[in-house]
Amino acid sequence: MEKFVYIVTDRNRTSLHVGMSANLIKTLDFYKQMPNLFFDSGQQLTRLVYFEEFKTEAQALARFKLISRFTRMQKERMVRSCNPDWIDLTIGLDFENILSARKLNTQVSMPLVMS
């Protein structure tokens, strides 16, 4: 099972939060449902701006610890290297999730042809 290391931010990019998760979409849903979990409501961490995927928890944990020690400038540089416009990457993840769910539904609901 894959593990993810990610960075989320608020709409004004005031806060950058590094996290680790086995289910990125579920984790981001949790952030959206609990807007005041880490900060006040003005700093809701709802924008996924960076993530990496790892095969093992040990790899993800090592990367999480490293990125957590980065300065803000290093984190910003890392985000800009692959997401220069700081767009919310959850849109792409949700779309990918919808596509894979449709693919599963299509495979399951194919009618059987009897001869």
N, C-alpha and C. Protein backbone atom coordinates (compact mmCIF):
# COMPACT_ATOMS: atom_id res chain seq x y z
N MET A 1 0.84 -1.19 0.00
CA MET A 1 0.00 0.00 0.00
C MET A 1 0.88 1.24 0.00
N GLU A 2 0.51 2.19 -0.83
CA GLU A 2 1.30 3.41 -0.96
C GLU A 2 1.12 4.32 0.25
N LYS A 3 2.14 5.10 0.48
CA LYS A 3 2.11 6.14 1.51
C LYS A 3 2.44 7.46 0.83
N PHE A 4 1.87 8.53 1.34
CA PHE A 4 2.06 9.85 0.75
C PHE A 4 2.64 10.82 1.77
N VAL A 5 3.51 11.68 1.29
CA VAL A 5 3.98 12.83 2.05
C VAL A 5 3.45 14.03 1.28
N TYR A 6 2.87 14.98 1.98
CA TYR A 6 2.19 16.08 1.30
C TYR A 6 2.40 17.41 2.01
N ILE A 7 2.09 18.47 1.28
CA ILE A 7 2.07 19.81 1.86
C ILE A 7 0.73 20.44 1.53
N VAL A 8 0.05 20.93 2.56
CA VAL A 8 -1.20 21.65 2.38
C VAL A 8 -1.01 23.09 2.85
N THR A 9 -1.83 23.97 2.30
CA THR A 9 -1.76 25.37 2.68
C THR A 9 -3.17 25.96 2.70
N ASP A 10 -3.27 27.19 3.19
CA ASP A 10 -4.55 27.91 3.18
C ASP A 10 -4.62 28.75 1.92
N ARG A 11 -5.73 29.42 1.71
CA ARG A 11 -5.91 30.15 0.46
C ARG A 11 -4.93 31.31 0.29
N ASN A 12 -4.38 31.83 1.37
CA ASN A 12 -3.43 32.94 1.29
C ASN A 12 -1.97 32.49 1.37
N ARG A 13 -1.77 31.19 1.43
CA ARG A 13 -0.43 30.59 1.56
C ARG A 13 0.30 31.07 2.82
N THR A 14 -0.47 31.36 3.85
CA THR A 14 0.12 31.83 5.11
C THR A 14 0.81 30.67 5.84
N SER A 15 0.16 29.53 5.87
CA SER A 15 0.68 28.37 6.58
C SER A 15 0.99 27.25 5.61
N LEU A 16 2.07 26.55 5.86
CA LEU A 16 2.41 25.34 5.11
C LEU A 16 2.49 24.20 6.12
N HIS A 17 1.74 23.16 5.89
CA HIS A 17 1.72 22.03 6.80
C HIS A 17 2.18 20.77 6.06
N VAL A 18 3.17 20.09 6.61
CA VAL A 18 3.67 18.84 6.03
C VAL A 18 3.00 17.69 6.75
N GLY A 19 2.52 16.71 5.99
CA GLY A 19 1.87 15.55 6.59
C GLY A 19 2.22 14.27 5.88
N MET A 20 1.76 13.17 6.44
CA MET A 20 1.99 11.85 5.87
C MET A 20 0.68 11.07 6.00
N SER A 21 0.32 10.32 4.96
CA SER A 21 -0.95 9.61 4.97
C SER A 21 -0.91 8.39 4.07
N ALA A 22 -1.74 7.40 4.39
CA ALA A 22 -1.90 6.24 3.52
C ALA A 22 -3.04 6.48 2.52
N ASN A 23 -3.96 7.38 2.88
CA ASN A 23 -5.10 7.69 2.00
C ASN A 23 -5.22 9.20 1.88
N LEU A 24 -4.63 9.74 0.84
CA LEU A 24 -4.54 11.19 0.68
C LEU A 24 -5.91 11.85 0.56
N ILE A 25 -6.80 11.26 -0.20
CA ILE A 25 -8.13 11.87 -0.39
C ILE A 25 -8.91 11.90 0.92
N LYS A 26 -8.85 10.81 1.66
CA LYS A 26 -9.55 10.76 2.96
C LYS A 26 -8.97 11.78 3.94
N THR A 27 -7.65 11.92 3.93
CA THR A 27 -7.00 12.89 4.81
C THR A 27 -7.41 14.31 4.46
N LEU A 28 -7.44 14.62 3.16
CA LEU A 28 -7.83 15.96 2.74
C LEU A 28 -9.30 16.24 3.03
N ASP A 29 -10.14 15.23 2.91
CA ASP A 29 -11.54 15.39 3.31
C ASP A 29 -11.64 15.73 4.79
N PHE A 30 -10.80 15.08 5.59
CA PHE A 30 -10.79 15.34 7.03
C PHE A 30 -10.40 16.80 7.31
N TYR A 31 -9.37 17.30 6.62
CA TYR A 31 -8.97 18.71 6.79
C TYR A 31 -10.13 19.64 6.46
N LYS A 32 -10.88 19.31 5.40
CA LYS A 32 -11.99 20.18 4.99
C LYS A 32 -13.15 20.12 5.98
N GLN A 33 -13.34 18.96 6.62
CA GLN A 33 -14.43 18.82 7.60
C GLN A 33 -14.07 19.43 8.94
N MET A 34 -12.78 19.54 9.23
CA MET A 34 -12.31 20.08 10.52
C MET A 34 -11.48 21.34 10.27
N PRO A 35 -12.11 22.41 9.80
CA PRO A 35 -11.36 23.60 9.37
C PRO A 35 -10.54 24.27 10.47
N ASN A 36 -10.95 24.15 11.72
CA ASN A 36 -10.24 24.83 12.81
C ASN A 36 -9.30 23.90 13.57
N LEU A 37 -8.98 22.77 12.97
CA LEU A 37 -8.16 21.77 13.66
C LEU A 37 -6.79 22.31 14.06
N PHE A 38 -6.09 22.94 13.14
CA PHE A 38 -4.74 23.42 13.42
C PHE A 38 -4.68 24.92 13.68
N PHE A 39 -5.51 25.66 12.97
CA PHE A 39 -5.44 27.12 13.03
C PHE A 39 -6.84 27.69 13.11
N ASP A 40 -6.95 29.00 13.08
CA ASP A 40 -8.28 29.60 13.09
C ASP A 40 -8.93 29.46 11.70
N SER A 41 -10.18 29.82 11.60
CA SER A 41 -10.94 29.58 10.37
C SER A 41 -10.39 30.35 9.17
N GLY A 42 -9.64 31.40 9.41
CA GLY A 42 -9.04 32.15 8.31
C GLY A 42 -7.88 31.43 7.66
N GLN A 43 -7.37 30.42 8.35
CA GLN A 43 -6.22 29.68 7.83
C GLN A 43 -6.57 28.20 7.63
N GLN A 44 -7.66 27.95 6.97
CA GLN A 44 -8.08 26.57 6.73
C GLN A 44 -7.13 25.89 5.75
N LEU A 45 -6.55 24.78 6.18
CA LEU A 45 -5.59 24.06 5.35
C LEU A 45 -6.35 23.13 4.41
N THR A 46 -6.80 23.67 3.30
CA THR A 46 -7.63 22.87 2.39
C THR A 46 -7.03 22.72 1.00
N ARG A 47 -5.87 23.30 0.77
CA ARG A 47 -5.27 23.24 -0.57
C ARG A 47 -4.04 22.34 -0.58
N LEU A 48 -4.16 21.26 -1.30
CA LEU A 48 -3.01 20.36 -1.48
C LEU A 48 -2.14 20.96 -2.58
N VAL A 49 -0.92 21.32 -2.25
CA VAL A 49 -0.05 21.96 -3.24
C VAL A 49 1.15 21.09 -3.63
N TYR A 50 1.38 20.02 -2.88
CA TYR A 50 2.53 19.16 -3.17
C TYR A 50 2.29 17.79 -2.55
N PHE A 51 2.69 16.73 -3.26
CA PHE A 51 2.70 15.41 -2.64
C PHE A 51 3.68 14.50 -3.35
N GLU A 52 4.15 13.51 -2.61
CA GLU A 52 5.02 12.47 -3.15
C GLU A 52 4.44 11.13 -2.72
N GLU A 53 4.62 10.11 -3.54
CA GLU A 53 4.10 8.79 -3.26
C GLU A 53 5.26 7.83 -3.01
N PHE A 54 5.13 6.97 -2.00
CA PHE A 54 6.19 6.02 -1.65
C PHE A 54 5.61 4.61 -1.53
N LYS A 55 6.44 3.63 -1.78
CA LYS A 55 5.99 2.23 -1.71
C LYS A 55 5.93 1.72 -0.28
N THR A 56 6.82 2.22 0.58
CA THR A 56 6.84 1.73 1.96
C THR A 56 6.66 2.88 2.95
N GLU A 57 6.20 2.51 4.12
CA GLU A 57 6.00 3.50 5.18
C GLU A 57 7.35 4.05 5.66
N ALA A 58 8.38 3.20 5.67
CA ALA A 58 9.71 3.64 6.11
C ALA A 58 10.25 4.73 5.19
N GLN A 59 10.08 4.58 3.87
CA GLN A 59 10.53 5.60 2.92
C GLN A 59 9.77 6.91 3.14
N ALA A 60 8.46 6.79 3.30
CA ALA A 60 7.63 7.98 3.49
C ALA A 60 7.98 8.69 4.80
N LEU A 61 8.19 7.92 5.84
CA LEU A 61 8.52 8.51 7.14
C LEU A 61 9.86 9.25 7.09
N ALA A 62 10.85 8.67 6.41
CA ALA A 62 12.15 9.33 6.28
C ALA A 62 12.00 10.65 5.52
N ARG A 63 11.23 10.64 4.45
CA ARG A 63 11.01 11.85 3.65
C ARG A 63 10.21 12.90 4.44
N PHE A 64 9.19 12.43 5.18
CA PHE A 64 8.38 13.31 6.02
C PHE A 64 9.26 14.03 7.04
N LYS A 65 10.13 13.28 7.70
CA LYS A 65 11.02 13.88 8.71
C LYS A 65 11.95 14.90 8.08
N LEU A 66 12.44 14.60 6.89
CA LEU A 66 13.34 15.53 6.21
C LEU A 66 12.62 16.81 5.83
N ILE A 67 11.47 16.69 5.16
CA ILE A 67 10.73 17.88 4.71
C ILE A 67 10.24 18.70 5.90
N SER A 68 9.90 18.03 6.99
CA SER A 68 9.43 18.74 8.19
C SER A 68 10.51 19.66 8.75
N ARG A 69 11.75 19.33 8.52
CA ARG A 69 12.86 20.16 9.02
C ARG A 69 13.23 21.29 8.06
N PHE A 70 12.65 21.27 6.86
CA PHE A 70 12.94 22.32 5.88
C PHE A 70 12.47 23.68 6.40
N THR A 71 13.16 24.72 5.95
CA THR A 71 12.69 26.07 6.24
C THR A 71 11.50 26.35 5.32
N ARG A 72 10.79 27.41 5.63
CA ARG A 72 9.66 27.78 4.77
C ARG A 72 10.12 28.02 3.34
N MET A 73 11.26 28.68 3.17
CA MET A 73 11.76 28.98 1.83
C MET A 73 12.05 27.67 1.05
N GLN A 74 12.61 26.68 1.72
CA GLN A 74 12.89 25.39 1.07
C GLN A 74 11.60 24.69 0.65
N LYS A 75 10.59 24.75 1.52
CA LYS A 75 9.29 24.14 1.19
C LYS A 75 8.65 24.85 0.00
N GLU A 76 8.70 26.19 0.01
CA GLU A 76 8.13 26.95 -1.10
C GLU A 76 8.84 26.62 -2.40
N ARG A 77 10.15 26.51 -2.37
CA ARG A 77 10.94 26.18 -3.55
C ARG A 77 10.54 24.79 -4.08
N MET A 78 10.34 23.87 -3.16
CA MET A 78 9.94 22.51 -3.53
C MET A 78 8.57 22.51 -4.21
N VAL A 79 7.62 23.26 -3.64
CA VAL A 79 6.28 23.35 -4.23
C VAL A 79 6.36 23.99 -5.61
N ARG A 80 7.08 25.10 -5.71
CA ARG A 80 7.18 25.81 -6.99
C ARG A 80 7.84 24.98 -8.08
N SER A 81 8.73 24.06 -7.70
CA SER A 81 9.44 23.24 -8.70
C SER A 81 8.48 22.37 -9.51
N CYS A 82 7.38 21.95 -8.91
CA CYS A 82 6.43 21.10 -9.65
C CYS A 82 5.03 21.68 -9.73
N ASN A 83 4.76 22.74 -8.97
CA ASN A 83 3.44 23.38 -8.98
C ASN A 83 3.64 24.90 -8.89
N PRO A 84 4.18 25.51 -9.97
CA PRO A 84 4.54 26.93 -9.91
C PRO A 84 3.38 27.88 -9.63
N ASP A 85 2.16 27.48 -9.99
CA ASP A 85 1.00 28.35 -9.76
C ASP A 85 0.26 28.04 -8.47
N TRP A 86 0.79 27.11 -7.69
CA TRP A 86 0.20 26.73 -6.40
C TRP A 86 -1.27 26.32 -6.56
N ILE A 87 -1.59 25.60 -7.63
CA ILE A 87 -2.98 25.17 -7.81
C ILE A 87 -3.30 24.04 -6.82
N ASP A 88 -4.57 23.91 -6.50
CA ASP A 88 -5.02 22.87 -5.58
C ASP A 88 -5.03 21.53 -6.32
N LEU A 89 -4.16 20.62 -5.93
CA LEU A 89 -4.00 19.34 -6.62
C LEU A 89 -5.11 18.34 -6.29
N THR A 90 -5.96 18.65 -5.31
CA THR A 90 -7.05 17.73 -4.99
C THR A 90 -8.01 17.58 -6.16
N ILE A 91 -8.11 18.60 -6.99
CA ILE A 91 -9.00 18.53 -8.16
C ILE A 91 -8.58 17.36 -9.04
N GLY A 92 -7.29 17.25 -9.32
CA GLY A 92 -6.78 16.14 -10.12
C GLY A 92 -6.96 14.80 -9.44
N LEU A 93 -6.74 14.76 -8.13
CA LEU A 93 -6.90 13.50 -7.38
C LEU A 93 -8.36 13.06 -7.40
N ASP A 94 -9.28 13.99 -7.19
CA ASP A 94 -10.70 13.66 -7.20
C ASP A 94 -11.09 13.12 -8.58
N PHE A 95 -10.60 13.76 -9.63
CA PHE A 95 -10.91 13.34 -10.99
C PHE A 95 -10.38 11.94 -11.25
N GLU A 96 -9.16 11.68 -10.79
CA GLU A 96 -8.55 10.35 -10.95
C GLU A 96 -9.37 9.30 -10.19
N ASN A 97 -9.83 9.66 -9.01
CA ASN A 97 -10.65 8.77 -8.20
C ASN A 97 -11.97 8.46 -8.89
N ILE A 98 -12.60 9.48 -9.45
CA ILE A 98 -13.88 9.31 -10.15
C ILE A 98 -13.68 8.40 -11.36
N LEU A 99 -12.60 8.62 -12.11
CA LEU A 99 -12.33 7.79 -13.28
C LEU A 99 -12.13 6.33 -12.91
N SER A 100 -11.35 6.07 -11.85
CA SER A 100 -11.11 4.68 -11.46
C SER A 100 -12.39 4.04 -10.92
N ALA A 101 -13.24 4.81 -10.25
CA ALA A 101 -14.52 4.28 -9.77
C ALA A 101 -15.43 3.94 -10.94
N ARG A 102 -15.45 4.80 -11.95
CA ARG A 102 -16.26 4.54 -13.14
C ARG A 102 -15.78 3.29 -13.86
N LYS A 103 -14.46 3.16 -13.94
CA LYS A 103 -13.88 2.01 -14.61
C LYS A 103 -14.32 0.72 -13.90
N LEU A 104 -14.29 0.75 -12.57
CA LEU A 104 -14.72 -0.41 -11.78
C LEU A 104 -16.20 -0.70 -12.01
N ASN A 105 -17.02 0.34 -11.96
CA ASN A 105 -18.46 0.17 -12.17
C ASN A 105 -18.76 -0.38 -13.55
N THR A 106 -18.04 0.10 -14.55
CA THR A 106 -18.24 -0.37 -15.92
C THR A 106 -17.89 -1.84 -16.02
N GLN A 107 -16.80 -2.22 -15.37
CA GLN A 107 -16.37 -3.62 -15.43
C GLN A 107 -17.36 -4.52 -14.71
N VAL A 108 -17.89 -4.06 -13.60
CA VAL A 108 -18.80 -4.87 -12.80
C VAL A 108 -20.19 -4.95 -13.45
N SER A 109 -20.64 -3.85 -14.04
CA SER A 109 -22.03 -3.83 -14.52
C SER A 109 -22.19 -4.24 -15.98
N MET A 110 -21.19 -4.83 -16.56
CA MET A 110 -21.31 -5.29 -17.95
C MET A 110 -22.31 -6.46 -17.98
N PRO A 111 -23.27 -6.42 -18.85
CA PRO A 111 -24.25 -7.49 -18.89
C PRO A 111 -23.65 -8.80 -19.43
N LEU A 112 -24.14 -9.86 -18.88
CA LEU A 112 -23.69 -11.17 -19.34
C LEU A 112 -24.54 -11.58 -20.54
N VAL A 113 -23.90 -12.07 -21.55
CA VAL A 113 -24.64 -12.51 -22.74
C VAL A 113 -24.79 -14.03 -22.66
N MET A 114 -26.02 -14.45 -22.64
CA MET A 114 -26.30 -15.89 -22.54
C MET A 114 -26.63 -16.41 -23.94
N SER A 115 -26.11 -17.58 -24.29
CA SER A 115 -26.44 -18.14 -25.60
C SER A 115 -27.26 -19.39 -25.48
